[in-house]
Amino acid sequence: MSEINFTLLKQSLQYDPNTGEFVWIKSSARKIKVGTKAGNQKPDGYIGIQFQKKMYLAHRLAWLITYGKWPIDQIDHINRKRNDNRISNLREVYRFQNSQNRTPNKTNISRITGVTWNKQKKRWIARIMLNKKSINIGTFVSFEEAVKARHKLEAQIFTHAQPH
């Protein structure tokens, strides 16, 4: 991550850790008004804030302002909402950990990652990816059983498993 003038950042932007929002507290050459909300939601759902002629992701700035350092690798939004930058919703993770907390594929009718319907067998299939390998957890008559099995294994092997 590029160098940023931390003192100037703290003098220019105020971060509210309870709401996750940034507000300009110092006007700039770009004619930003003091007290206005900083940043805009990008097409990918993240909030971007332009500071010192460079675009920064708000969740990374929140981490920097709160802890005084850039994250080692990535920041995960615990609730999967990319525009929710409350510090309680952010955690420092490595890329493989961040991928464990992803939203299910849009084609997945179950809306649960790793749980799919098999039309031929008329059963629910539970799987999990670990080290780029698909592990078959089992085949289940009920959706609830498949989800329970997936979540149980998820909690055992993932470092950032969500409570279910």
N, C-alpha and C. Protein backbone atom coordinates (compact mmCIF):
# COMPACT_ATOMS: atom_id res chain seq x y z
N MET A 1 0.86 -1.17 0.00
CA MET A 1 0.00 0.00 0.00
C MET A 1 0.90 1.23 0.00
N SER A 2 0.50 2.23 -0.73
CA SER A 2 1.32 3.42 -0.86
C SER A 2 1.37 4.20 0.45
N GLU A 3 2.35 5.04 0.52
CA GLU A 3 2.51 5.89 1.70
C GLU A 3 1.38 6.91 1.73
N ILE A 4 0.93 7.20 2.93
CA ILE A 4 -0.12 8.18 3.12
C ILE A 4 0.30 9.04 4.31
N ASN A 5 0.02 10.31 4.23
CA ASN A 5 0.33 11.21 5.34
C ASN A 5 -0.73 10.99 6.41
N PHE A 6 -0.37 10.18 7.41
CA PHE A 6 -1.32 9.79 8.45
C PHE A 6 -1.83 10.99 9.24
N THR A 7 -0.94 11.94 9.54
CA THR A 7 -1.33 13.14 10.29
C THR A 7 -2.34 13.94 9.49
N LEU A 8 -2.06 14.14 8.20
CA LEU A 8 -2.98 14.89 7.34
C LEU A 8 -4.31 14.15 7.19
N LEU A 9 -4.26 12.83 7.12
CA LEU A 9 -5.49 12.03 7.03
C LEU A 9 -6.36 12.27 8.26
N LYS A 10 -5.76 12.21 9.45
CA LYS A 10 -6.52 12.40 10.70
C LYS A 10 -7.01 13.84 10.85
N GLN A 11 -6.31 14.79 10.22
CA GLN A 11 -6.73 16.19 10.27
C GLN A 11 -7.83 16.48 9.25
N SER A 12 -7.94 15.63 8.24
CA SER A 12 -8.89 15.86 7.14
C SER A 12 -10.18 15.07 7.26
N LEU A 13 -10.08 13.84 7.78
CA LEU A 13 -11.23 12.95 7.85
C LEU A 13 -11.49 12.49 9.27
N GLN A 14 -12.75 12.45 9.64
CA GLN A 14 -13.16 11.90 10.93
C GLN A 14 -13.90 10.60 10.65
N TYR A 15 -13.50 9.55 11.35
CA TYR A 15 -14.11 8.23 11.19
C TYR A 15 -14.93 7.92 12.42
N ASP A 16 -16.17 7.49 12.21
CA ASP A 16 -17.03 7.06 13.31
C ASP A 16 -17.04 5.54 13.32
N PRO A 17 -16.40 4.91 14.30
CA PRO A 17 -16.32 3.45 14.32
C PRO A 17 -17.67 2.77 14.54
N ASN A 18 -18.65 3.49 15.08
CA ASN A 18 -19.97 2.92 15.33
C ASN A 18 -20.85 2.88 14.08
N THR A 19 -20.63 3.82 13.16
CA THR A 19 -21.43 3.85 11.93
C THR A 19 -20.61 3.40 10.72
N GLY A 20 -19.29 3.51 10.83
CA GLY A 20 -18.41 3.15 9.71
C GLY A 20 -18.30 4.24 8.67
N GLU A 21 -18.80 5.43 8.99
CA GLU A 21 -18.80 6.52 8.02
C GLU A 21 -17.66 7.50 8.28
N PHE A 22 -17.24 8.14 7.20
CA PHE A 22 -16.21 9.18 7.26
C PHE A 22 -16.86 10.52 6.95
N VAL A 23 -16.37 11.57 7.62
CA VAL A 23 -16.85 12.93 7.39
C VAL A 23 -15.62 13.82 7.24
N TRP A 24 -15.70 14.77 6.27
CA TRP A 24 -14.61 15.72 6.07
C TRP A 24 -14.61 16.71 7.22
N ILE A 25 -13.47 16.89 7.87
CA ILE A 25 -13.35 17.87 8.95
C ILE A 25 -12.41 19.01 8.56
N LYS A 26 -11.89 18.95 7.35
CA LYS A 26 -11.02 20.00 6.83
C LYS A 26 -11.31 20.14 5.35
N SER A 27 -11.51 21.39 4.90
CA SER A 27 -11.78 21.59 3.47
C SER A 27 -10.48 21.39 2.71
N SER A 28 -10.63 21.11 1.43
CA SER A 28 -9.46 20.86 0.60
C SER A 28 -9.53 21.68 -0.67
N ALA A 29 -8.50 21.53 -1.47
CA ALA A 29 -8.45 22.24 -2.75
C ALA A 29 -9.57 21.82 -3.68
N ARG A 30 -10.14 20.63 -3.44
CA ARG A 30 -11.23 20.15 -4.29
C ARG A 30 -12.58 20.73 -3.87
N LYS A 31 -12.53 21.72 -2.98
CA LYS A 31 -13.73 22.43 -2.53
C LYS A 31 -14.72 21.51 -1.80
N ILE A 32 -14.19 20.63 -1.01
CA ILE A 32 -15.04 19.77 -0.20
C ILE A 32 -15.48 20.55 1.02
N LYS A 33 -16.74 20.47 1.34
CA LYS A 33 -17.27 21.21 2.48
C LYS A 33 -17.07 20.43 3.77
N VAL A 34 -16.65 21.13 4.80
CA VAL A 34 -16.49 20.53 6.12
C VAL A 34 -17.86 20.02 6.58
N GLY A 35 -17.88 18.81 7.13
CA GLY A 35 -19.12 18.23 7.63
C GLY A 35 -19.85 17.33 6.64
N THR A 36 -19.37 17.29 5.39
CA THR A 36 -20.03 16.41 4.41
C THR A 36 -19.45 15.00 4.50
N LYS A 37 -20.30 14.05 4.17
CA LYS A 37 -19.90 12.64 4.18
C LYS A 37 -18.86 12.40 3.10
N ALA A 38 -17.83 11.65 3.44
CA ALA A 38 -16.75 11.35 2.50
C ALA A 38 -17.02 10.01 1.82
N GLY A 39 -16.69 9.94 0.55
CA GLY A 39 -16.73 8.67 -0.16
C GLY A 39 -18.00 8.44 -0.95
N ASN A 40 -17.88 7.51 -1.88
CA ASN A 40 -18.99 7.09 -2.73
C ASN A 40 -18.95 5.58 -2.89
N GLN A 41 -20.14 5.00 -3.02
CA GLN A 41 -20.19 3.56 -3.23
C GLN A 41 -19.84 3.26 -4.67
N LYS A 42 -18.91 2.35 -4.84
CA LYS A 42 -18.47 1.94 -6.17
C LYS A 42 -19.38 0.82 -6.68
N PRO A 43 -19.32 0.50 -7.98
CA PRO A 43 -20.17 -0.56 -8.54
C PRO A 43 -19.99 -1.93 -7.86
N ASP A 44 -18.81 -2.19 -7.30
CA ASP A 44 -18.59 -3.48 -6.62
C ASP A 44 -19.11 -3.49 -5.18
N GLY A 45 -19.69 -2.37 -4.73
CA GLY A 45 -20.28 -2.29 -3.39
C GLY A 45 -19.39 -1.67 -2.33
N TYR A 46 -18.10 -1.58 -2.60
CA TYR A 46 -17.19 -0.97 -1.63
C TYR A 46 -17.31 0.56 -1.68
N ILE A 47 -16.94 1.21 -0.58
CA ILE A 47 -16.91 2.67 -0.52
C ILE A 47 -15.50 3.13 -0.84
N GLY A 48 -15.38 4.06 -1.77
CA GLY A 48 -14.09 4.63 -2.13
C GLY A 48 -14.02 6.08 -1.69
N ILE A 49 -12.87 6.48 -1.17
CA ILE A 49 -12.65 7.86 -0.73
C ILE A 49 -11.40 8.38 -1.41
N GLN A 50 -11.54 9.52 -2.10
CA GLN A 50 -10.37 10.11 -2.74
C GLN A 50 -9.68 11.02 -1.73
N PHE A 51 -8.39 10.76 -1.53
CA PHE A 51 -7.59 11.54 -0.60
C PHE A 51 -6.20 11.72 -1.19
N GLN A 52 -5.72 12.95 -1.22
CA GLN A 52 -4.42 13.26 -1.80
C GLN A 52 -4.29 12.72 -3.23
N LYS A 53 -5.33 12.94 -4.01
CA LYS A 53 -5.38 12.57 -5.43
C LYS A 53 -5.28 11.07 -5.68
N LYS A 54 -5.61 10.28 -4.68
CA LYS A 54 -5.59 8.82 -4.83
C LYS A 54 -6.86 8.24 -4.22
N MET A 55 -7.39 7.18 -4.83
CA MET A 55 -8.60 6.53 -4.33
C MET A 55 -8.21 5.45 -3.33
N TYR A 56 -8.87 5.47 -2.18
CA TYR A 56 -8.64 4.47 -1.13
C TYR A 56 -9.96 3.80 -0.79
N LEU A 57 -9.90 2.55 -0.41
CA LEU A 57 -11.09 1.85 0.06
C LEU A 57 -11.34 2.25 1.51
N ALA A 58 -12.58 2.60 1.81
CA ALA A 58 -12.93 3.12 3.14
C ALA A 58 -12.61 2.12 4.25
N HIS A 59 -12.82 0.84 4.00
CA HIS A 59 -12.56 -0.14 5.06
C HIS A 59 -11.07 -0.20 5.41
N ARG A 60 -10.22 0.03 4.43
CA ARG A 60 -8.77 0.04 4.70
C ARG A 60 -8.38 1.31 5.45
N LEU A 61 -9.01 2.44 5.11
CA LEU A 61 -8.75 3.68 5.85
C LEU A 61 -9.27 3.57 7.28
N ALA A 62 -10.40 2.91 7.46
CA ALA A 62 -10.95 2.70 8.81
C ALA A 62 -9.96 1.92 9.65
N TRP A 63 -9.36 0.90 9.06
CA TRP A 63 -8.37 0.09 9.78
C TRP A 63 -7.15 0.94 10.13
N LEU A 64 -6.68 1.72 9.16
CA LEU A 64 -5.51 2.57 9.36
C LEU A 64 -5.75 3.59 10.47
N ILE A 65 -6.89 4.27 10.43
CA ILE A 65 -7.20 5.28 11.44
C ILE A 65 -7.37 4.65 12.82
N THR A 66 -8.01 3.49 12.88
CA THR A 66 -8.27 2.85 14.17
C THR A 66 -7.00 2.27 14.79
N TYR A 67 -6.20 1.59 13.99
CA TYR A 67 -5.04 0.87 14.53
C TYR A 67 -3.69 1.51 14.22
N GLY A 68 -3.69 2.56 13.41
CA GLY A 68 -2.44 3.27 13.12
C GLY A 68 -1.52 2.57 12.16
N LYS A 69 -2.02 1.54 11.47
CA LYS A 69 -1.20 0.80 10.50
C LYS A 69 -2.11 0.17 9.45
N TRP A 70 -1.53 -0.08 8.29
CA TRP A 70 -2.26 -0.79 7.25
C TRP A 70 -2.41 -2.25 7.65
N PRO A 71 -3.46 -2.91 7.19
CA PRO A 71 -3.58 -4.36 7.45
C PRO A 71 -2.46 -5.11 6.74
N ILE A 72 -2.08 -6.25 7.29
CA ILE A 72 -1.01 -7.06 6.70
C ILE A 72 -1.41 -7.53 5.30
N ASP A 73 -2.67 -7.95 5.12
CA ASP A 73 -3.12 -8.44 3.82
C ASP A 73 -4.48 -7.84 3.48
N GLN A 74 -5.57 -8.50 3.83
CA GLN A 74 -6.91 -8.04 3.45
C GLN A 74 -7.77 -7.74 4.67
N ILE A 75 -8.86 -7.02 4.41
CA ILE A 75 -9.87 -6.74 5.43
C ILE A 75 -11.14 -7.45 5.00
N ASP A 76 -11.70 -8.24 5.91
CA ASP A 76 -12.94 -8.98 5.65
C ASP A 76 -14.10 -8.24 6.30
N HIS A 77 -15.19 -8.09 5.57
CA HIS A 77 -16.44 -7.58 6.13
C HIS A 77 -17.18 -8.79 6.69
N ILE A 78 -17.26 -8.89 7.99
CA ILE A 78 -17.80 -10.08 8.65
C ILE A 78 -19.21 -10.40 8.17
N ASN A 79 -20.07 -9.37 8.04
CA ASN A 79 -21.45 -9.60 7.63
C ASN A 79 -21.62 -9.64 6.10
N ARG A 80 -20.52 -9.60 5.38
CA ARG A 80 -20.47 -9.68 3.92
C ARG A 80 -21.04 -8.44 3.21
N LYS A 81 -21.36 -7.39 3.95
CA LYS A 81 -21.88 -6.15 3.35
C LYS A 81 -20.69 -5.22 3.12
N ARG A 82 -20.34 -5.04 1.86
CA ARG A 82 -19.14 -4.31 1.50
C ARG A 82 -19.17 -2.83 1.86
N ASN A 83 -20.34 -2.29 2.11
CA ASN A 83 -20.43 -0.87 2.47
C ASN A 83 -20.60 -0.66 3.98
N ASP A 84 -20.52 -1.72 4.77
CA ASP A 84 -20.63 -1.64 6.23
C ASP A 84 -19.22 -1.61 6.83
N ASN A 85 -18.74 -0.40 7.07
CA ASN A 85 -17.36 -0.23 7.50
C ASN A 85 -17.23 0.07 9.00
N ARG A 86 -18.19 -0.39 9.79
CA ARG A 86 -18.04 -0.29 11.24
C ARG A 86 -16.85 -1.15 11.65
N ILE A 87 -16.04 -0.65 12.55
CA ILE A 87 -14.82 -1.38 12.93
C ILE A 87 -15.16 -2.75 13.51
N SER A 88 -16.32 -2.88 14.15
CA SER A 88 -16.72 -4.18 14.70
C SER A 88 -17.07 -5.19 13.61
N ASN A 89 -17.26 -4.70 12.37
CA ASN A 89 -17.59 -5.57 11.24
C ASN A 89 -16.36 -5.89 10.39
N LEU A 90 -15.21 -5.35 10.76
CA LEU A 90 -14.00 -5.54 9.97
C LEU A 90 -13.00 -6.40 10.74
N ARG A 91 -12.29 -7.25 10.00
CA ARG A 91 -11.23 -8.03 10.61
C ARG A 91 -10.11 -8.23 9.59
N GLU A 92 -8.91 -8.28 10.11
CA GLU A 92 -7.73 -8.47 9.29
C GLU A 92 -7.59 -9.95 8.98
N VAL A 93 -7.46 -10.29 7.71
CA VAL A 93 -7.36 -11.69 7.29
C VAL A 93 -6.38 -11.82 6.12
N TYR A 94 -5.98 -13.05 5.89
CA TYR A 94 -5.25 -13.36 4.67
C TYR A 94 -6.26 -13.71 3.59
N ARG A 95 -5.84 -13.70 2.36
CA ARG A 95 -6.74 -13.91 1.23
C ARG A 95 -7.53 -15.21 1.35
N PHE A 96 -6.88 -16.32 1.73
CA PHE A 96 -7.60 -17.59 1.82
C PHE A 96 -8.68 -17.53 2.90
N GLN A 97 -8.45 -16.77 3.97
CA GLN A 97 -9.47 -16.63 5.01
C GLN A 97 -10.63 -15.79 4.51
N ASN A 98 -10.31 -14.73 3.76
CA ASN A 98 -11.36 -13.86 3.23
C ASN A 98 -12.28 -14.64 2.28
N SER A 99 -11.71 -15.55 1.52
CA SER A 99 -12.53 -16.33 0.58
C SER A 99 -13.46 -17.30 1.30
N GLN A 100 -13.17 -17.61 2.57
CA GLN A 100 -14.04 -18.51 3.34
C GLN A 100 -15.35 -17.82 3.71
N ASN A 101 -15.38 -16.51 3.70
CA ASN A 101 -16.56 -15.75 4.10
C ASN A 101 -17.17 -15.06 2.88
N ARG A 102 -17.45 -15.84 1.86
CA ARG A 102 -18.00 -15.24 0.65
C ARG A 102 -19.48 -15.57 0.51
N THR A 103 -20.14 -14.78 -0.30
CA THR A 103 -21.55 -14.96 -0.58
C THR A 103 -21.72 -16.14 -1.54
N PRO A 104 -22.79 -16.94 -1.38
CA PRO A 104 -23.01 -18.06 -2.29
C PRO A 104 -23.13 -17.62 -3.75
N ASN A 105 -22.75 -18.52 -4.64
CA ASN A 105 -22.88 -18.30 -6.07
C ASN A 105 -24.35 -18.01 -6.41
N LYS A 106 -24.58 -17.09 -7.34
CA LYS A 106 -25.95 -16.69 -7.71
C LYS A 106 -26.77 -17.85 -8.29
N THR A 107 -26.10 -18.86 -8.84
CA THR A 107 -26.83 -19.99 -9.42
C THR A 107 -27.20 -21.04 -8.37
N ASN A 108 -26.73 -20.86 -7.15
CA ASN A 108 -27.01 -21.80 -6.07
C ASN A 108 -28.40 -21.53 -5.49
N ILE A 109 -29.34 -22.42 -5.76
CA ILE A 109 -30.73 -22.21 -5.33
C ILE A 109 -30.89 -22.29 -3.81
N SER A 110 -29.95 -22.92 -3.11
CA SER A 110 -30.07 -23.04 -1.67
C SER A 110 -29.71 -21.75 -0.95
N ARG A 111 -28.91 -20.90 -1.61
CA ARG A 111 -28.38 -19.66 -1.04
C ARG A 111 -27.42 -19.91 0.11
N ILE A 112 -26.97 -21.15 0.27
CA ILE A 112 -25.98 -21.52 1.27
C ILE A 112 -24.74 -22.03 0.54
N THR A 113 -23.60 -21.40 0.78
CA THR A 113 -22.37 -21.84 0.13
C THR A 113 -22.10 -23.30 0.47
N GLY A 114 -21.83 -24.09 -0.56
CA GLY A 114 -21.48 -25.49 -0.36
C GLY A 114 -22.65 -26.45 -0.25
N VAL A 115 -23.87 -25.95 -0.37
CA VAL A 115 -25.06 -26.82 -0.32
C VAL A 115 -25.83 -26.64 -1.63
N THR A 116 -25.96 -27.74 -2.37
CA THR A 116 -26.64 -27.69 -3.67
C THR A 116 -27.64 -28.83 -3.81
N TRP A 117 -28.58 -28.65 -4.71
CA TRP A 117 -29.60 -29.65 -4.98
C TRP A 117 -29.17 -30.49 -6.18
N ASN A 118 -29.23 -31.80 -6.05
CA ASN A 118 -28.91 -32.71 -7.14
C ASN A 118 -30.24 -33.23 -7.71
N LYS A 119 -30.57 -32.81 -8.92
CA LYS A 119 -31.86 -33.17 -9.54
C LYS A 119 -31.99 -34.67 -9.77
N GLN A 120 -30.90 -35.31 -10.25
CA GLN A 120 -30.98 -36.74 -10.55
C GLN A 120 -31.19 -37.58 -9.30
N LYS A 121 -30.44 -37.28 -8.24
CA LYS A 121 -30.55 -38.05 -7.01
C LYS A 121 -31.69 -37.58 -6.11
N LYS A 122 -32.22 -36.39 -6.42
CA LYS A 122 -33.26 -35.77 -5.60
C LYS A 122 -32.81 -35.70 -4.14
N ARG A 123 -31.59 -35.21 -3.98
CA ARG A 123 -30.97 -35.08 -2.66
C ARG A 123 -30.17 -33.77 -2.61
N TRP A 124 -29.94 -33.33 -1.37
CA TRP A 124 -29.08 -32.18 -1.13
C TRP A 124 -27.65 -32.67 -0.96
N ILE A 125 -26.71 -32.00 -1.61
CA ILE A 125 -25.30 -32.34 -1.55
C ILE A 125 -24.58 -31.25 -0.75
N ALA A 126 -23.77 -31.65 0.21
CA ALA A 126 -22.97 -30.69 0.97
C ALA A 126 -21.50 -30.93 0.64
N ARG A 127 -20.82 -29.84 0.30
CA ARG A 127 -19.39 -29.90 -0.04
C ARG A 127 -18.69 -28.72 0.61
N ILE A 128 -17.37 -28.81 0.66
CA ILE A 128 -16.57 -27.71 1.17
C ILE A 128 -15.24 -27.69 0.42
N MET A 129 -14.71 -26.52 0.17
CA MET A 129 -13.42 -26.38 -0.49
C MET A 129 -12.35 -26.17 0.57
N LEU A 130 -11.26 -26.94 0.46
CA LEU A 130 -10.15 -26.80 1.36
C LEU A 130 -8.87 -27.01 0.57
N ASN A 131 -8.00 -26.03 0.60
CA ASN A 131 -6.74 -26.10 -0.15
C ASN A 131 -6.98 -26.41 -1.63
N LYS A 132 -7.97 -25.74 -2.20
CA LYS A 132 -8.33 -25.85 -3.62
C LYS A 132 -8.86 -27.23 -4.00
N LYS A 133 -9.29 -28.01 -3.00
CA LYS A 133 -9.87 -29.34 -3.26
C LYS A 133 -11.28 -29.38 -2.71
N SER A 134 -12.18 -29.96 -3.50
CA SER A 134 -13.57 -30.10 -3.06
C SER A 134 -13.71 -31.37 -2.23
N ILE A 135 -14.23 -31.20 -1.03
CA ILE A 135 -14.46 -32.33 -0.13
C ILE A 135 -15.96 -32.58 -0.07
N ASN A 136 -16.38 -33.80 -0.39
CA ASN A 136 -17.78 -34.16 -0.34
C ASN A 136 -18.14 -34.51 1.10
N ILE A 137 -19.02 -33.73 1.71
CA ILE A 137 -19.44 -33.97 3.09
C ILE A 137 -20.49 -35.06 3.14
N GLY A 138 -21.39 -35.04 2.17
CA GLY A 138 -22.42 -36.07 2.14
C GLY A 138 -23.62 -35.68 1.31
N THR A 139 -24.55 -36.66 1.20
CA THR A 139 -25.81 -36.49 0.48
C THR A 139 -26.92 -36.60 1.51
N PHE A 140 -27.89 -35.68 1.45
CA PHE A 140 -28.91 -35.59 2.48
C PHE A 140 -30.31 -35.47 1.90
N VAL A 141 -31.27 -36.08 2.57
CA VAL A 141 -32.66 -36.00 2.15
C VAL A 141 -33.20 -34.60 2.45
N SER A 142 -32.86 -34.07 3.61
CA SER A 142 -33.40 -32.75 3.96
C SER A 142 -32.34 -31.66 3.80
N PHE A 143 -32.82 -30.50 3.43
CA PHE A 143 -31.98 -29.32 3.28
C PHE A 143 -31.32 -28.97 4.61
N GLU A 144 -32.09 -29.02 5.68
CA GLU A 144 -31.59 -28.67 7.02
C GLU A 144 -30.41 -29.54 7.44
N GLU A 145 -30.49 -30.85 7.12
CA GLU A 145 -29.38 -31.76 7.46
C GLU A 145 -28.11 -31.39 6.70
N ALA A 146 -28.27 -31.06 5.43
CA ALA A 146 -27.12 -30.69 4.60
C ALA A 146 -26.47 -29.41 5.11
N VAL A 147 -27.29 -28.43 5.46
CA VAL A 147 -26.77 -27.16 5.97
C VAL A 147 -26.06 -27.39 7.30
N LYS A 148 -26.66 -28.18 8.17
CA LYS A 148 -26.07 -28.46 9.48
C LYS A 148 -24.71 -29.15 9.32
N ALA A 149 -24.63 -30.11 8.43
CA ALA A 149 -23.37 -30.83 8.19
C ALA A 149 -22.31 -29.88 7.63
N ARG A 150 -22.70 -29.04 6.70
CA ARG A 150 -21.77 -28.07 6.11
C ARG A 150 -21.25 -27.12 7.20
N HIS A 151 -22.14 -26.58 7.99
CA HIS A 151 -21.74 -25.62 9.03
C HIS A 151 -20.87 -26.26 10.11
N LYS A 152 -21.16 -27.52 10.42
CA LYS A 152 -20.35 -28.22 11.43
C LYS A 152 -18.90 -28.36 10.96
N LEU A 153 -18.71 -28.81 9.72
CA LEU A 153 -17.36 -28.97 9.20
C LEU A 153 -16.69 -27.61 9.00
N GLU A 154 -17.45 -26.64 8.56
CA GLU A 154 -16.95 -25.28 8.36
C GLU A 154 -16.35 -24.74 9.67
N ALA A 155 -17.06 -24.93 10.77
CA ALA A 155 -16.59 -24.45 12.08
C ALA A 155 -15.32 -25.17 12.51
N GLN A 156 -15.15 -26.41 12.07
CA GLN A 156 -13.97 -27.18 12.46
C GLN A 156 -12.72 -26.80 11.67
N ILE A 157 -12.90 -26.48 10.38
CA ILE A 157 -11.71 -26.28 9.55
C ILE A 157 -11.41 -24.84 9.17
N PHE A 158 -12.42 -23.97 9.18
CA PHE A 158 -12.18 -22.59 8.78
C PHE A 158 -11.77 -21.75 9.97
N THR A 159 -10.79 -20.91 9.76
CA THR A 159 -10.30 -20.05 10.83
C THR A 159 -11.24 -18.88 11.09
N HIS A 160 -12.11 -18.57 10.14
CA HIS A 160 -13.03 -17.45 10.30
C HIS A 160 -14.47 -17.88 10.03
N ALA A 161 -14.85 -19.04 10.52
CA ALA A 161 -16.21 -19.53 10.31
C ALA A 161 -17.20 -18.65 11.04
N GLN A 162 -18.33 -18.45 10.42
CA GLN A 162 -19.40 -17.64 11.01
C GLN A 162 -20.24 -18.48 11.95
N PRO A 163 -20.68 -17.89 13.08
CA PRO A 163 -21.61 -18.63 13.94
C PRO A 163 -22.94 -18.80 13.24
N HIS A 164 -23.54 -19.99 13.33
CA HIS A 164 -24.81 -20.24 12.64
C HIS A 164 -25.88 -20.59 13.65
